[in-house]
Protein backbone atom coordinates (compact mmCIF):
# COMPACT_ATOMS: atom_id res chain seq x y z
CA UNK A 1 -11.06 -4.86 -2.31
CA UNK A 2 -9.80 -6.27 -5.63
CA UNK A 3 -10.07 -10.01 -6.09
CA UNK A 4 -7.15 -12.22 -7.09
CA UNK A 5 -8.68 -12.60 -10.56
CA UNK A 6 -8.81 -8.82 -11.12
CA UNK A 7 -5.25 -8.43 -9.91
CA UNK A 8 -3.99 -11.18 -12.22
CA UNK A 9 -5.81 -9.62 -15.23
CA UNK A 10 -4.35 -6.20 -14.46
CA UNK A 11 -0.88 -7.65 -14.05
CA UNK A 12 -1.11 -9.57 -17.33
CA UNK A 13 -2.47 -6.51 -19.22
CA UNK A 14 0.28 -4.30 -17.84
CA UNK A 15 2.84 -6.96 -18.69
CA UNK A 16 1.65 -7.24 -22.31
CA UNK A 17 1.54 -3.45 -22.67
CA UNK A 18 5.06 -3.13 -21.32
CA UNK A 19 6.39 -5.94 -23.51
CA UNK A 20 4.73 -4.60 -26.68
CA UNK A 21 5.86 -1.07 -25.95
CA UNK A 22 9.46 -2.13 -25.45
CA UNK A 23 9.39 -4.48 -28.45
CA UNK A 24 7.76 -1.83 -30.67
CA UNK A 25 10.30 0.76 -29.62
CA UNK A 26 13.17 -1.57 -30.38
CA UNK A 27 11.63 -2.57 -33.72
CA UNK A 28 10.92 0.98 -34.85
CA UNK A 29 14.36 2.17 -33.76
CA UNK A 30 15.93 -0.88 -35.43
CA UNK A 31 14.13 -0.22 -38.71
CA UNK A 32 15.16 3.44 -38.63
CA UNK A 33 18.77 2.62 -37.85
CA UNK A 34 18.76 -0.09 -40.50
CA UNK A 35 17.60 2.28 -43.22
CA UNK A 36 20.04 4.97 -42.14
CA UNK A 37 22.83 2.41 -42.30
CA UNK A 38 21.64 1.20 -45.69
CA UNK A 39 21.45 4.77 -47.01
CA UNK A 40 25.02 5.63 -46.10
CA UNK A 41 26.28 2.23 -47.22
CA UNK A 42 24.74 2.92 -50.67
CA UNK A 43 26.25 6.39 -50.69
CA UNK A 44 29.66 4.99 -49.79
CA UNK A 45 29.52 2.40 -52.59
CA UNK A 46 28.42 5.03 -55.14
CA UNK A 47 30.74 7.92 -54.27
CA UNK A 48 33.93 6.13 -54.88
CA UNK A 49 37.09 7.95 -55.85
CA UNK A 50 36.54 7.02 -59.49
CA UNK A 51 32.97 8.32 -59.46
CA UNK A 52 34.02 11.57 -57.81
CA UNK A 53 36.74 11.98 -60.50
CA UNK A 54 34.07 11.51 -63.20
CA UNK A 55 31.93 14.16 -61.54
CA UNK A 56 34.90 16.53 -61.44
CA UNK A 57 35.52 16.02 -65.19
CA UNK A 58 31.84 16.68 -65.95
CA UNK A 59 31.76 19.81 -63.82
CA UNK A 60 33.03 21.81 -66.81
CA UNK A 61 30.08 20.54 -68.94
CA UNK A 62 27.54 21.98 -66.58
CA UNK A 63 25.25 20.69 -63.80
CA UNK A 64 22.94 18.93 -66.28
CA UNK A 65 25.67 16.45 -67.23
CA UNK A 66 26.52 15.82 -63.56
CA UNK A 67 22.79 15.21 -62.77
CA UNK A 68 22.51 12.73 -65.65
CA UNK A 69 25.53 10.80 -64.33
CA UNK A 70 24.05 10.75 -60.85
CA UNK A 71 20.60 9.70 -62.06
CA UNK A 72 22.24 6.84 -63.94
CA UNK A 73 23.62 5.32 -60.72
CA UNK A 74 21.18 2.68 -59.52
CA UNK A 75 22.83 2.42 -56.09
CA UNK A 76 21.66 5.92 -55.29
CA UNK A 77 18.03 4.74 -55.41
CA UNK A 78 16.73 7.96 -56.85
CA UNK A 79 12.93 7.55 -57.13
CA UNK A 80 11.89 11.21 -57.31
CA UNK A 81 9.38 10.64 -54.48
CA UNK A 82 11.38 10.06 -51.35
CA UNK A 83 14.98 10.44 -52.53
CA UNK A 84 16.39 13.25 -54.80
CA UNK A 85 19.77 14.54 -55.97
CA UNK A 86 20.80 18.18 -56.32
CA UNK A 87 23.74 20.09 -57.78
CA UNK A 88 24.52 23.17 -55.65
CA UNK A 89 26.98 25.95 -56.18
CA UNK A 90 29.53 26.96 -53.60
CA UNK A 91 26.96 29.26 -52.00
CA UNK A 92 24.37 26.52 -51.52
CA UNK A 93 22.09 27.56 -54.38
CA UNK A 94 20.41 24.85 -56.43
CA UNK A 95 21.87 24.67 -59.96
CA UNK A 96 19.92 21.58 -60.96
CA UNK A 97 18.06 18.68 -59.31
CA UNK A 98 16.01 15.57 -59.89
CA UNK A 99 12.75 17.18 -58.71
CA UNK A 100 13.41 20.65 -60.16
CA UNK A 101 13.34 22.18 -56.66
CA UNK A 102 14.63 25.73 -56.60
CA UNK A 103 16.11 25.56 -53.11
CA UNK A 104 16.88 23.12 -50.32
CA UNK A 105 17.05 23.60 -46.59
CA UNK A 106 20.41 24.29 -45.11
CA UNK A 107 21.43 21.24 -43.07
CA UNK A 108 24.45 20.40 -41.02
CA UNK A 109 25.82 18.20 -43.78
CA UNK A 110 25.42 21.06 -46.32
CA UNK A 111 27.29 23.39 -44.04
CA UNK A 112 30.07 20.82 -43.79
CA UNK A 113 30.23 20.54 -47.59
CA UNK A 114 30.34 24.31 -47.94
CA UNK A 115 33.41 24.15 -45.72
CA UNK A 116 35.03 21.65 -48.08
CA UNK A 117 34.20 18.48 -46.05
CA UNK A 118 31.93 15.54 -46.86
CA UNK A 119 28.69 15.90 -44.86
CA UNK A 120 27.43 12.43 -43.96
CA UNK A 121 26.05 12.63 -40.43
CA UNK A 122 22.45 11.75 -39.68
CA UNK A 123 20.21 10.95 -36.64
CA UNK A 124 17.18 8.75 -36.21
CA UNK A 125 15.33 11.65 -34.70
CA UNK A 126 15.52 13.77 -37.87
CA UNK A 127 12.87 13.52 -40.60
CA UNK A 128 15.41 13.11 -43.41
CA UNK A 129 18.72 11.53 -44.45
CA UNK A 130 21.23 13.47 -46.57
CA UNK A 131 24.73 13.41 -47.98
CA UNK A 132 26.69 16.44 -49.20
CA UNK A 133 29.90 15.85 -51.25
CA UNK A 134 32.02 18.84 -52.41
CA UNK A 135 33.30 18.46 -56.01
CA UNK A 136 36.10 20.68 -57.37
CA UNK A 137 36.55 20.47 -61.15
CA UNK A 138 37.57 22.52 -64.21
CA UNK A 139 34.23 24.26 -64.18
CA UNK A 140 34.71 25.36 -60.55
CA UNK A 141 33.55 24.04 -57.17
CA UNK A 142 30.07 22.61 -56.59
CA UNK A 143 28.27 20.35 -54.17
CA UNK A 144 26.51 17.08 -54.92
CA UNK A 145 23.64 16.77 -52.44
CA UNK A 146 21.51 13.62 -51.98
CA UNK A 147 18.37 14.07 -49.83
CA UNK A 148 16.07 11.27 -48.63
CA UNK A 149 12.78 12.27 -46.88
CA UNK A 150 12.50 8.87 -45.09
CA UNK A 151 9.13 8.28 -46.75
CA UNK A 152 9.90 4.56 -47.09
CA UNK A 153 11.02 4.36 -43.50
CA UNK A 154 7.93 6.18 -42.33
CA UNK A 155 5.64 3.92 -44.36
CA UNK A 156 7.36 0.85 -43.01
CA UNK A 157 7.20 2.24 -39.49
CA UNK A 158 3.47 2.88 -39.88
CA UNK A 159 2.92 -0.65 -41.13
CA UNK A 160 5.05 -2.00 -38.30
CA UNK A 161 3.14 0.08 -35.75
CA UNK A 162 -0.14 -1.32 -37.09
CA UNK A 163 1.22 -4.85 -36.77
CA UNK A 164 2.35 -4.08 -33.23
CA UNK A 165 -1.08 -2.71 -32.33
CA UNK A 166 -2.77 -5.77 -33.77
CA UNK A 167 -0.39 -8.01 -31.81
CA UNK A 168 -1.07 -5.92 -28.72
CA UNK A 169 -4.82 -6.40 -29.06
CA UNK A 170 -4.42 -10.13 -29.58
CA UNK A 171 -1.94 -10.33 -26.72
CA UNK A 172 -4.31 -8.48 -24.43
CA UNK A 173 -7.14 -10.83 -25.34
CA UNK A 174 -4.94 -13.87 -24.82
CA UNK A 175 -3.60 -12.44 -21.53
CA UNK A 176 -7.11 -11.83 -20.23
CA UNK A 177 -8.14 -15.40 -21.06
CA UNK A 178 -4.94 -16.85 -19.62
CA UNK A 179 -5.19 -14.68 -16.50
CA UNK A 180 -8.75 -15.88 -15.96
CA UNK A 181 -7.64 -19.47 -16.34
CA UNK A 182 -4.65 -18.90 -14.08
CA UNK A 183 -6.76 -17.11 -11.48
CA UNK A 184 -9.22 -20.00 -11.60
CA UNK A 185 -6.40 -22.47 -11.06
CA UNK A 186 -4.97 -20.40 -8.19
CA UNK A 187 -8.17 -19.13 -6.61
CA UNK A 188 -9.99 -22.50 -6.40
CA UNK A 189 -7.61 -24.01 -3.81
CA UNK A 190 -7.23 -20.60 -2.16
CA UNK A 191 -11.01 -20.31 -1.81
CA UNK A 192 -11.04 -23.80 -0.34
CA UNK A 193 -8.31 -22.72 2.06
CA UNK A 194 -10.27 -19.59 2.96
CA UNK A 195 -13.42 -21.63 3.58
CA UNK A 196 -11.44 -24.14 5.63
CA UNK A 197 -9.90 -21.33 7.65
CA UNK A 198 -13.33 -19.97 8.50
CA UNK A 199 -14.46 -23.46 9.54
CA UNK A 200 -11.43 -23.90 11.75
CA UNK A 201 -11.96 -20.46 13.25
CA UNK A 202 -15.54 -21.52 14.06
CA UNK A 203 -14.22 -24.67 15.77
CA UNK A 204 -15.13 -27.19 13.04
CA UNK A 205 -12.20 -29.57 12.44
CA UNK A 206 -14.24 -32.38 10.86
CA UNK A 207 -13.21 -31.93 7.21
CA UNK A 208 -9.84 -32.11 5.51
CA UNK A 209 -9.06 -30.10 2.39
CA UNK A 210 -8.39 -32.09 -0.80
CA UNK A 211 -4.82 -31.75 -2.10
CA UNK A 212 -5.24 -31.28 -5.87
CA UNK A 213 -1.68 -30.44 -6.87
CA UNK A 214 1.94 -31.02 -5.93
CA UNK A 215 3.00 -27.40 -6.16
CA UNK A 216 3.37 -24.77 -3.44
CA UNK A 217 -0.41 -24.46 -3.07
CA UNK A 218 -0.67 -28.22 -2.61
CA UNK A 219 2.06 -28.04 0.03
CA UNK A 220 0.19 -25.16 1.66
CA UNK A 221 -3.01 -27.25 1.70
CA UNK A 222 -1.18 -30.18 3.29
CA UNK A 223 0.33 -27.85 5.90
CA UNK A 224 -3.11 -26.39 6.57
CA UNK A 225 -4.56 -29.88 7.13
CA UNK A 226 -1.66 -30.68 9.46
CA UNK A 227 -2.12 -27.39 11.30
CA UNK A 228 -5.85 -28.09 11.65
CA UNK A 229 -5.14 -31.54 13.11
CA UNK A 230 -2.56 -30.19 15.55
CA UNK A 231 -4.88 -27.34 16.50
CA UNK A 232 -7.76 -29.76 17.07
CA UNK A 233 -5.59 -31.99 19.26
CA UNK A 234 -4.24 -28.99 21.14
CA UNK A 235 -7.70 -27.51 21.70
CA UNK A 236 -8.92 -30.94 22.80
CA UNK A 237 -6.14 -31.16 25.36
CA UNK A 238 -6.81 -27.59 26.49
CA UNK A 239 -10.54 -28.33 26.77
CA UNK A 240 -9.79 -31.50 28.72
CA UNK A 241 -7.53 -29.61 31.10
CA UNK A 242 -10.09 -26.83 31.38
CA UNK A 243 -12.83 -29.33 32.22
CA UNK A 244 -10.62 -30.97 34.82
CA UNK A 245 -9.72 -27.62 36.34
CA UNK A 246 -13.36 -26.52 36.21
CA UNK A 247 -14.49 -29.72 37.92
CA UNK A 248 -11.74 -29.37 40.50
CA UNK A 249 -12.59 -25.71 40.98
CA UNK A 250 -16.30 -26.41 41.46
CA UNK A 251 -15.98 -29.44 43.72
CA UNK A 252 -12.85 -28.76 45.73
CA UNK A 253 -13.44 -28.48 49.46
CA UNK A 254 -11.34 -25.34 49.79
CA UNK A 255 -12.86 -22.07 48.69
CA UNK A 256 -11.23 -20.10 45.87
CA UNK A 257 -12.01 -16.51 44.89
CA UNK A 258 -10.19 -14.42 42.28
CA UNK A 259 -10.24 -10.63 41.91
CA UNK A 260 -8.80 -8.45 39.14
CA UNK A 261 -6.34 -5.62 39.75
CA UNK A 262 -9.19 -3.20 40.47
CA UNK A 263 -10.63 -5.50 43.15
CA UNK A 264 -13.67 -6.75 41.19
CA UNK A 265 -14.60 -10.42 41.63
CA UNK A 266 -13.96 -12.48 38.48
CA UNK A 267 -14.03 -16.10 39.71
CA UNK A 268 -15.33 -17.95 42.77
CA UNK A 269 -16.43 -21.49 43.52
CA UNK A 270 -19.42 -22.70 45.57
CA UNK A 271 -17.17 -23.67 48.49
CA UNK A 272 -16.04 -20.03 48.84
CA UNK A 273 -19.64 -18.77 49.02
CA UNK A 274 -20.53 -21.49 51.53
CA UNK A 275 -17.56 -20.77 53.78
CA UNK A 276 -18.03 -17.01 53.68
CA UNK A 277 -21.75 -17.43 54.35
CA UNK A 278 -22.76 -15.06 51.57
CA UNK A 279 -23.71 -15.19 47.89
CA UNK A 280 -20.80 -13.99 45.75
CA UNK A 281 -21.49 -11.96 42.62
CA UNK A 282 -19.33 -10.34 39.97
CA UNK A 283 -20.06 -6.87 41.34
CA UNK A 284 -18.60 -7.81 44.74
CA UNK A 285 -15.23 -6.30 45.52
CA UNK A 286 -12.19 -7.42 47.45
CA UNK A 287 -12.57 -4.60 49.96
CA UNK A 288 -16.16 -5.59 50.71
CA UNK A 289 -15.15 -9.12 51.75
CA UNK A 290 -11.56 -9.01 53.03
CA UNK A 291 -11.12 -5.38 54.03
CA UNK A 292 -10.24 -6.29 57.65
CA UNK A 293 -7.78 -9.03 56.70
CA UNK A 294 -5.56 -7.41 54.02
CA UNK A 295 -5.19 -4.48 51.64
CA UNK A 296 -5.48 -5.19 47.91
CA UNK A 297 -2.51 -2.95 47.02
CA UNK A 298 -0.32 -4.74 49.55
CA UNK A 299 -1.12 -8.16 48.09
CA UNK A 300 -0.64 -6.93 44.48
CA UNK A 301 2.82 -5.64 45.41
CA UNK A 302 4.02 -9.11 46.45
CA UNK A 303 6.42 -11.10 44.30
CA UNK A 304 6.03 -14.83 43.65
CA UNK A 305 6.18 -17.02 45.75
CA UNK A 306 5.25 -14.53 48.49
CA UNK A 307 1.72 -14.60 49.93
CA UNK A 308 -0.33 -13.14 52.74
CA UNK A 309 -1.79 -15.41 55.41
CA UNK A 310 -4.72 -14.26 57.52
CA UNK A 311 -7.68 -15.56 59.49
CA UNK A 312 -11.31 -14.57 59.23
CA UNK A 313 -14.39 -15.36 61.28
CA UNK A 314 -17.54 -15.92 59.22
CA UNK A 315 -20.47 -16.70 61.49
CA UNK A 316 -19.51 -19.76 63.53
CA UNK A 317 -16.76 -20.71 61.05
CA UNK A 318 -13.05 -20.10 61.47
CA UNK A 319 -11.42 -19.49 58.06
CA UNK A 320 -7.75 -19.45 57.14
CA UNK A 321 -6.93 -17.23 54.14
CA UNK A 322 -3.99 -17.44 51.74
CA UNK A 323 -3.74 -14.46 49.36
CA UNK A 324 -1.30 -14.30 46.45
CA UNK A 325 -1.08 -12.09 43.33
CA UNK A 326 -1.12 -13.33 39.73
CA UNK A 327 0.18 -11.52 36.66
CA UNK A 328 -1.19 -11.01 33.15
CA UNK A 329 1.29 -10.21 30.34
CA UNK A 330 3.85 -8.97 32.81
CA UNK A 331 1.44 -6.61 34.60
CA UNK A 332 -0.44 -7.29 37.87
CA UNK A 333 -3.50 -9.31 36.90
CA UNK A 334 -5.19 -9.58 40.26
CA UNK A 335 -5.34 -11.58 43.48
CA UNK A 336 -6.33 -15.18 44.22
CA UNK A 337 -7.66 -15.99 47.68
CA UNK A 338 -7.67 -19.61 48.87
CA UNK A 339 -10.05 -20.17 51.80
CA UNK A 340 -9.55 -23.10 54.14
CA UNK A 341 -12.17 -23.98 56.74
CA UNK A 342 -10.31 -24.68 60.00
CA UNK A 343 -13.41 -24.71 62.20
CA UNK A 344 -13.16 -28.41 63.01
CA UNK A 345 -9.41 -28.11 63.43
CA UNK A 346 -9.86 -25.28 65.93
CA UNK A 347 -12.57 -27.26 67.69
CA UNK A 348 -10.32 -30.32 67.80
CA UNK A 349 -7.51 -28.25 69.23
CA UNK A 350 -9.89 -26.81 71.81
CA UNK A 351 -11.27 -30.25 72.61
CA UNK A 352 -7.76 -31.63 72.97
CA UNK A 353 -6.82 -28.83 75.34
CA UNK A 354 -9.99 -29.36 77.33
CA UNK A 355 -9.39 -33.11 77.33
CA UNK A 356 -5.85 -32.70 78.71
CA UNK A 357 -7.13 -30.21 81.26
CA UNK A 358 -9.97 -32.56 82.29
CA UNK A 359 -7.69 -35.59 82.58
CA UNK A 360 -5.24 -33.57 84.61
CA UNK A 361 -8.02 -32.30 86.84
CA UNK A 362 -9.66 -35.71 87.23
CA UNK A 363 -6.39 -37.37 88.19
CA UNK A 364 -5.15 -34.51 90.36
CA UNK A 365 -8.14 -34.64 92.73
CA UNK A 366 -7.76 -38.33 93.75
CA UNK A 367 -3.96 -38.03 93.75
CA UNK A 368 -4.23 -35.04 96.08
CA UNK A 369 -6.53 -37.00 98.40
CA UNK A 370 -4.26 -40.06 98.33
CA UNK A 371 -1.21 -37.95 99.10
CA UNK A 372 -2.95 -35.99 101.86
CA UNK A 373 -4.29 -39.07 103.67
CA UNK A 374 -1.03 -40.97 103.22
CA UNK A 375 1.00 -38.04 104.61
CA UNK A 376 -1.40 -37.83 107.54
CA UNK A 377 -0.97 -41.54 108.31
CA UNK A 378 2.83 -41.26 108.00
CA UNK A 379 3.12 -38.10 110.08
CA UNK A 380 0.75 -39.29 112.86
CA UNK A 381 2.36 -42.70 113.13
CA UNK A 382 1.25 -44.69 116.18
CA UNK A 383 -0.63 -41.70 117.55
CA UNK A 384 -3.38 -42.13 114.94
CA UNK A 385 -6.27 -44.22 116.30
CA UNK A 386 -6.65 -47.57 114.45
CA UNK A 387 -10.24 -46.79 113.45
CA UNK A 388 -9.23 -43.46 111.88
CA UNK A 389 -6.20 -45.03 110.20
CA UNK A 390 -8.47 -47.70 108.77
CA UNK A 391 -10.85 -45.01 107.53
CA UNK A 392 -7.98 -43.09 105.88
CA UNK A 393 -6.74 -46.26 104.19
CA UNK A 394 -10.26 -46.87 102.89
CA UNK A 395 -10.28 -43.39 101.35
CA UNK A 396 -6.91 -44.06 99.73
CA UNK A 397 -8.19 -47.34 98.28
CA UNK A 398 -11.36 -45.66 96.95
CA UNK A 399 -9.36 -42.87 95.31
CA UNK A 400 -6.98 -45.41 93.79
CA UNK A 401 -9.98 -47.33 92.43
CA UNK A 402 -11.31 -44.08 91.02
CA UNK A 403 -8.03 -43.38 89.22
CA UNK A 404 -8.01 -46.95 87.96
CA UNK A 405 -11.48 -46.52 86.48
CA UNK A 406 -10.43 -43.26 84.79
CA UNK A 407 -7.35 -44.87 83.28
CA UNK A 408 -9.32 -47.93 82.17
CA UNK A 409 -11.99 -45.75 80.55
CA UNK A 410 -9.30 -43.70 78.81
CA UNK A 411 -7.62 -46.87 77.55
CA UNK A 412 -10.99 -48.10 76.29
CA UNK A 413 -11.63 -44.87 74.39
CA UNK A 414 -8.09 -44.90 73.04
CA UNK A 415 -8.62 -48.39 71.66
CA UNK A 416 -11.83 -47.25 70.00
CA UNK A 417 -10.04 -44.22 68.51
CA UNK A 418 -7.29 -46.35 66.99
CA UNK A 419 -9.57 -49.22 66.01
CA UNK A 420 -7.84 -51.71 68.30
CA UNK A 421 -10.80 -52.60 70.49
CA UNK A 422 -11.45 -56.32 70.21
CA UNK A 423 -15.05 -57.50 70.26
CA UNK A 424 -16.15 -61.00 71.23
CA UNK A 425 -19.04 -61.28 68.78
CA UNK A 426 -21.62 -63.94 69.49
CA UNK A 427 -25.34 -64.49 69.23
CA UNK A 428 -27.16 -63.86 72.49
CA UNK A 429 -30.68 -63.23 73.76
CA UNK A 430 -31.20 -59.51 74.11
CA UNK A 431 -34.02 -59.92 76.64
CA UNK A 432 -31.74 -62.01 78.90
CA UNK A 433 -29.04 -59.29 78.78
CA UNK A 434 -31.59 -56.66 79.82
CA UNK A 435 -32.80 -58.92 82.69
CA UNK A 436 -29.23 -59.48 83.91
CA UNK A 437 -28.63 -55.73 84.08
CA UNK A 438 -31.99 -55.24 85.82
CA UNK A 439 -31.13 -57.85 88.47
CA UNK A 440 -27.60 -56.43 88.94
CA UNK A 441 -28.88 -52.94 89.87
CA UNK A 442 -31.93 -54.05 91.81
CA UNK A 443 -30.18 -53.93 95.21
CA UNK A 444 -28.65 -50.48 94.51
CA UNK A 445 -32.08 -49.16 93.49
CA UNK A 446 -33.63 -50.62 96.63
CA UNK A 447 -31.02 -48.89 98.76
CA UNK A 448 -32.19 -45.57 97.25
CA UNK A 449 -35.84 -46.60 97.75
CA UNK A 450 -36.45 -46.40 93.96
CA UNK A 451 -39.30 -48.23 92.30
CA UNK A 452 -37.52 -50.22 89.58
CA UNK A 453 -39.70 -51.92 86.95
CA UNK A 454 -38.99 -54.13 83.89
CA UNK A 455 -41.18 -54.54 80.83
CA UNK A 456 -39.63 -56.86 78.21
CA UNK A 457 -41.61 -59.36 76.08
CA UNK A 458 -40.42 -62.95 75.95
CA UNK A 459 -40.20 -63.10 72.16
CA UNK A 460 -37.49 -60.47 71.67
CA UNK A 461 -35.12 -61.22 68.74
CA UNK A 462 -31.53 -62.17 69.48
CA UNK A 463 -28.55 -59.90 68.82
CA UNK A 464 -25.12 -60.51 67.26
CA UNK A 465 -22.53 -58.64 69.31
CA UNK A 466 -20.26 -58.48 72.33
CA UNK A 467 -22.67 -59.25 75.16
CA UNK A 468 -20.33 -57.96 77.85
CA UNK A 469 -19.98 -54.57 76.09
CA UNK A 470 -23.73 -54.28 75.48
CA UNK A 471 -24.46 -55.00 79.11
CA UNK A 472 -21.78 -52.42 80.04
CA UNK A 473 -23.74 -49.80 78.06
CA UNK A 474 -27.07 -50.74 79.67
CA UNK A 475 -25.47 -50.86 83.12
CA UNK A 476 -24.04 -47.36 82.66
CA UNK A 477 -27.44 -45.97 81.61
CA UNK A 478 -29.37 -47.58 84.48
CA UNK A 479 -26.66 -46.59 87.00
CA UNK A 480 -26.92 -42.95 85.86
CA UNK A 481 -30.69 -43.11 86.30
CA UNK A 482 -30.23 -44.37 89.87
CA UNK A 483 -27.57 -41.73 90.64
CA UNK A 484 -29.42 -38.73 89.28
CA UNK A 485 -32.89 -39.61 90.57
CA UNK A 486 -33.68 -38.42 94.11
CA UNK A 487 -34.37 -41.22 96.59
CA UNK A 488 -37.83 -42.70 96.26
CA UNK A 489 -38.03 -42.13 92.52
CA UNK A 490 -39.29 -44.27 89.67
CA UNK A 491 -37.13 -45.97 87.08
CA UNK A 492 -38.74 -47.95 84.28
CA UNK A 493 -36.68 -50.35 82.14
CA UNK A 494 -38.37 -51.60 78.95
CA UNK A 495 -37.41 -53.40 75.75
CA UNK A 496 -38.97 -54.20 72.42
CA UNK A 497 -38.42 -54.77 68.69
CA UNK A 498 -39.52 -53.03 65.49
CA UNK A 499 -38.49 -53.05 61.81
CA UNK A 500 -35.57 -55.44 62.24
CA UNK A 501 -34.12 -53.70 65.29
CA UNK A 502 -34.34 -54.20 69.07
CA UNK A 503 -34.37 -51.46 71.62
CA UNK A 504 -34.00 -50.93 75.34
CA UNK A 505 -35.33 -47.85 77.10
CA UNK A 506 -34.56 -46.49 80.60
CA UNK A 507 -36.93 -43.75 81.83
CA UNK A 508 -36.72 -41.99 85.19
CA UNK A 509 -38.36 -39.06 86.96
CA UNK A 510 -35.07 -37.66 88.23
CA UNK A 511 -33.48 -34.22 88.08
CA UNK A 512 -33.35 -34.21 84.26
CA UNK A 513 -30.87 -32.44 82.00
CA UNK A 514 -31.03 -28.79 80.90
CA UNK A 515 -31.69 -28.38 77.18
CA UNK A 516 -28.41 -26.48 76.62
CA UNK A 517 -26.41 -29.45 77.89
CA UNK A 518 -28.03 -32.13 75.73
CA UNK A 519 -25.76 -31.62 72.63
CA UNK A 520 -22.62 -32.05 74.77
CA UNK A 521 -23.55 -35.15 76.77
CA UNK A 522 -21.32 -37.42 74.69
CA UNK A 523 -18.22 -35.24 75.01
CA UNK A 524 -15.47 -36.80 77.06
CA UNK A 525 -15.33 -35.64 80.70
CA UNK A 526 -18.42 -33.50 80.19
CA UNK A 527 -20.77 -33.54 83.16
CA UNK A 528 -23.88 -31.52 83.83
CA UNK A 529 -23.55 -31.55 87.62
CA UNK A 530 -19.80 -31.82 88.19
CA UNK A 531 -19.95 -31.73 91.99
CA UNK A 532 -22.54 -34.51 92.29
CA UNK A 533 -20.78 -36.59 89.62
CA UNK A 534 -17.52 -36.55 91.51
CA UNK A 535 -19.29 -37.35 94.77
CA UNK A 536 -20.83 -40.41 93.11
CA UNK A 537 -17.52 -41.45 91.56
CA UNK A 538 -18.37 -40.61 87.94
CA UNK A 539 -15.61 -39.94 85.39
CA UNK A 540 -17.65 -38.25 82.66
CA UNK A 541 -16.58 -40.90 80.16
CA UNK A 542 -19.45 -43.37 80.44
CA UNK A 543 -21.69 -41.98 77.71
CA UNK A 544 -18.71 -41.48 75.38
CA UNK A 545 -17.77 -45.14 75.80
CA UNK A 546 -21.42 -46.19 75.39
CA UNK A 547 -21.71 -44.36 72.05
CA UNK A 548 -18.43 -45.87 70.78
CA UNK A 549 -19.56 -49.40 71.72
CA UNK A 550 -22.95 -48.95 70.03
CA UNK A 551 -21.26 -47.45 66.95
CA UNK A 552 -19.15 -50.62 66.65
CA UNK A 553 -22.42 -52.62 66.72
CA UNK A 554 -24.13 -50.27 64.18
CA UNK A 555 -26.44 -49.17 66.96
CA UNK A 556 -27.64 -45.82 68.28
CA UNK A 557 -28.25 -44.07 71.58
CA UNK A 558 -30.77 -41.28 72.00
CA UNK A 559 -31.37 -39.12 75.11
CA UNK A 560 -34.54 -37.13 75.75
CA UNK A 561 -34.81 -35.05 78.91
CA UNK A 562 -36.61 -32.15 80.53
CA UNK A 563 -34.90 -30.40 83.42
CA UNK A 564 -36.64 -31.23 86.72
CA UNK A 565 -38.96 -33.82 85.15
CA UNK A 566 -36.78 -36.76 84.19
CA UNK A 567 -34.74 -38.40 81.45
CA UNK A 568 -35.37 -41.14 78.89
CA UNK A 569 -32.43 -42.96 77.27
CA UNK A 570 -33.07 -45.30 74.32
CA UNK A 571 -30.57 -47.81 72.94
CA UNK A 572 -31.21 -49.36 69.50
CA UNK A 573 -29.38 -52.35 67.93
CA UNK A 574 -29.89 -54.36 64.75
CA UNK A 575 -31.59 -57.68 65.41
CA UNK A 576 -29.85 -60.89 64.37
CA UNK A 577 -31.25 -62.71 61.34
């Protein structure tokens, strides 16, 4: 590849050669034409009508006299070296001449003179100049012939050609020097531009090029600096957007996976791998992951904003899929799959359905009993014995109380859900609250022949909280222990403090809870033994309410149980400072 310097030198050399060639040609042709013009101008001044008449008069004296007259004319420029004069007869034979030549070549001008006309035509391409004038006198007809060999012209042309060659050599030398200087002037900023371009291509925008001139190259340098600045700002914005998108892509909760048109995985975020329950790699394919949900060709054939919606089960997760194609330069580029984990949503929907079903069932049973006993009382009228009527009314009252408790518990949970439960916070003695609950259930425990014990040290820290709600939690736990422990059992209530927290524990040797039911004990309306719970008037909401109350007090409840051996429930609360 030729450099700019070499190209400039070649251009300058070719330019000088062309200029010198054209100038030399014009000079040489001009010199030749000038001498031809001068020759015929001299001939025209010499061969006047008077001079021709003198030649005619001397024709009778012989050719020697005519030659002497011609040789005496200075305008003819006869020098016997390049220019000669001849006297020819009517046949073209030499009668006499200045150089004693015996013959001359027959030229076009001689032929014209032989035909009685003056021959005075010449061309720059011929090697001679001549003039042939017919003279008719007393001695007969003859021809005066002047011949110039162009020796002077040729000598001058040779000298001129030498001068031109010398000028050419000097011009070439000057052009080489000037072209080097010019190439240096041009190539220095261009090399700087080239170096700057490579730096910009490598991502280095730290340096600006120096503007050394106010010409087009200087303007180009300024434009390059401006382009570099704009490119740096643009790349900075693109990098910023890419970082934001990358951060969003990596940390978004929804999973995203992209596949090219052939189905090969090209992008995926950690959420997608976590939701699908498998490690995603670039060699994974669309068909390997979503073959049951959609066909790749079907998704690629969609037009924006169309998409395919599907659901997929991955282990214990329920996933909702949204698949849409993306294009690249007008052609299908691939498919993007957005994965949304709807496991909790499905569970919530299921829990809501179960909750509605449980509420309906819990309210339907007492309502059915109330209606049945009331219809019986109404239909029997006075025929119903007073004792039986009183018994039926007692059942109606009990069922109404049961429905009231269910509604109250539901209202309590609803207030917790919406954050509208008001707490009467105060400082109270935790040991005294445990003793009050113990004394409140003592009679009920005695009726079931349970051995109820209390172990609570005197120096228990106080608690900041709603005493009534805390006692409600403890009462619910102890009541459950009494209910689900066969008569004659043992129930131990204890309390203590450790690491800035107080605790109360209720342990029994009752029927216990199967291990499979332990995770669901705090679900609303969930009961292990539904038949016995309803017989004892339970609603299945007590533990749910207890956990919500303790959560409001930053406390905890923990249940440990072995089926057939007993249950231990521990309540923990932060101690007051």
